[in-house]
Protein backbone atom coordinates (compact mmCIF):
# COMPACT_ATOMS: atom_id res chain seq x y z
CA MET A 1 26.78 13.80 4.23
CA ARG A 2 26.07 11.70 1.20
CA ALA A 3 22.81 9.45 0.85
CA LEU A 4 22.45 7.02 -1.92
CA LEU A 5 18.83 6.97 -2.87
CA ASP A 6 17.37 4.00 -4.41
CA SER A 7 14.63 4.07 -7.25
CA HIS A 8 11.46 4.33 -4.88
CA THR A 9 13.08 6.83 -2.43
CA PHE A 10 14.09 8.78 -5.31
CA ILE A 11 10.30 8.57 -6.37
CA TRP A 12 8.66 9.17 -3.01
CA MET A 13 10.95 12.09 -2.32
CA ALA A 14 10.08 13.74 -5.70
CA ASP A 15 6.48 13.38 -5.97
CA SER A 16 5.04 11.78 -2.57
CA PRO A 17 7.18 13.16 0.30
CA GLU A 18 4.35 12.30 2.77
CA LYS A 19 5.25 8.49 1.70
CA LEU A 20 8.83 8.71 3.56
CA SER A 21 9.60 8.14 7.06
CA ARG A 22 10.35 11.16 9.34
CA ARG A 23 13.82 9.80 9.75
CA ALA A 24 13.95 9.37 5.41
CA ARG A 25 12.43 12.84 5.12
CA GLY A 26 15.44 14.50 7.54
CA VAL A 27 18.19 12.35 5.66
CA CYS A 28 16.46 13.71 2.45
CA GLU A 29 16.58 17.60 3.27
CA GLU A 30 20.24 17.76 5.05
CA ALA A 31 22.31 15.16 2.61
CA SER A 32 23.61 15.56 -0.54
CA LEU A 33 21.62 12.95 -2.53
CA VAL A 34 22.82 10.60 -5.09
CA LEU A 35 21.04 8.66 -7.09
CA SER A 36 22.64 5.75 -8.75
CA VAL A 37 22.68 5.15 -12.96
CA ALA A 38 21.73 1.71 -11.84
CA SER A 39 18.30 3.27 -10.36
CA VAL A 40 17.80 5.59 -13.31
CA TRP A 41 18.13 2.30 -15.60
CA GLU A 42 15.64 0.42 -13.11
CA LEU A 43 13.24 3.32 -13.65
CA ALA A 44 13.73 3.28 -17.53
CA ILE A 45 12.99 -0.21 -17.53
CA LYS A 46 9.86 -0.25 -14.95
CA ALA A 47 8.42 2.58 -17.30
CA ARG A 48 8.91 0.98 -20.82
CA LEU A 49 7.17 -2.28 -19.18
CA GLY A 50 4.40 -0.31 -17.63
CA ARG A 51 5.06 -0.90 -14.12
CA LEU A 52 5.48 3.10 -13.64
CA THR A 53 4.01 6.06 -15.39
CA PHE A 54 5.65 9.18 -15.48
CA THR A 55 3.96 12.15 -16.59
CA GLU A 56 6.86 13.00 -18.78
CA SER A 57 9.79 11.35 -20.37
CA ILE A 58 11.54 9.30 -17.71
CA GLU A 59 14.75 11.48 -18.98
CA ASN A 60 13.23 14.57 -18.66
CA TYR A 61 11.85 13.48 -15.32
CA VAL A 62 15.45 12.68 -14.02
CA LEU A 63 16.80 15.63 -15.50
CA ARG A 64 14.45 17.58 -13.64
CA GLN A 65 15.09 16.39 -10.36
CA THR A 66 18.87 16.76 -10.67
CA ARG A 67 18.24 20.54 -11.61
CA MET A 68 16.49 20.67 -7.94
CA GLY A 69 19.63 19.55 -6.44
CA ARG A 70 19.63 15.79 -6.72
CA HIS A 71 22.81 14.35 -7.71
CA LEU A 72 23.60 11.47 -10.30
CA ASP A 73 26.72 9.31 -9.85
CA SER A 74 27.22 9.73 -13.70
CA PRO A 75 27.75 12.85 -15.45
CA ASP A 76 25.20 12.03 -18.13
CA PRO A 77 21.93 10.02 -17.37
CA ARG A 78 20.72 9.93 -20.89
CA SER A 79 22.58 6.61 -21.36
CA ALA A 80 20.73 4.91 -18.42
CA CYS A 81 17.43 6.48 -19.59
CA GLY A 82 17.85 5.25 -23.37
CA SER A 83 17.89 1.53 -22.00
CA GLY A 84 14.17 2.03 -21.45
CA ARG A 85 13.59 2.47 -25.24
CA ARG A 86 12.75 -0.11 -27.62
CA SER A 87 15.04 -0.31 -30.37
């Protein structure tokens, strides 16, 4: 089974799994997880606007999660992460 994560579920799963319902945690443990590039874009924009803070760049945060078995629906999230940068 594949599960498409929205941005807040992705963050909670990575940083605060206790915020997820028991059912959501079960899905995250058993499914092949997919994060939309649109969600990465949303995280990058919110980080740039100061609505989300990360201890590392959004690009590194997302790439670290993908190395832990979470998948993106695009082969390269860098383009979405770059949208949060100021020109």
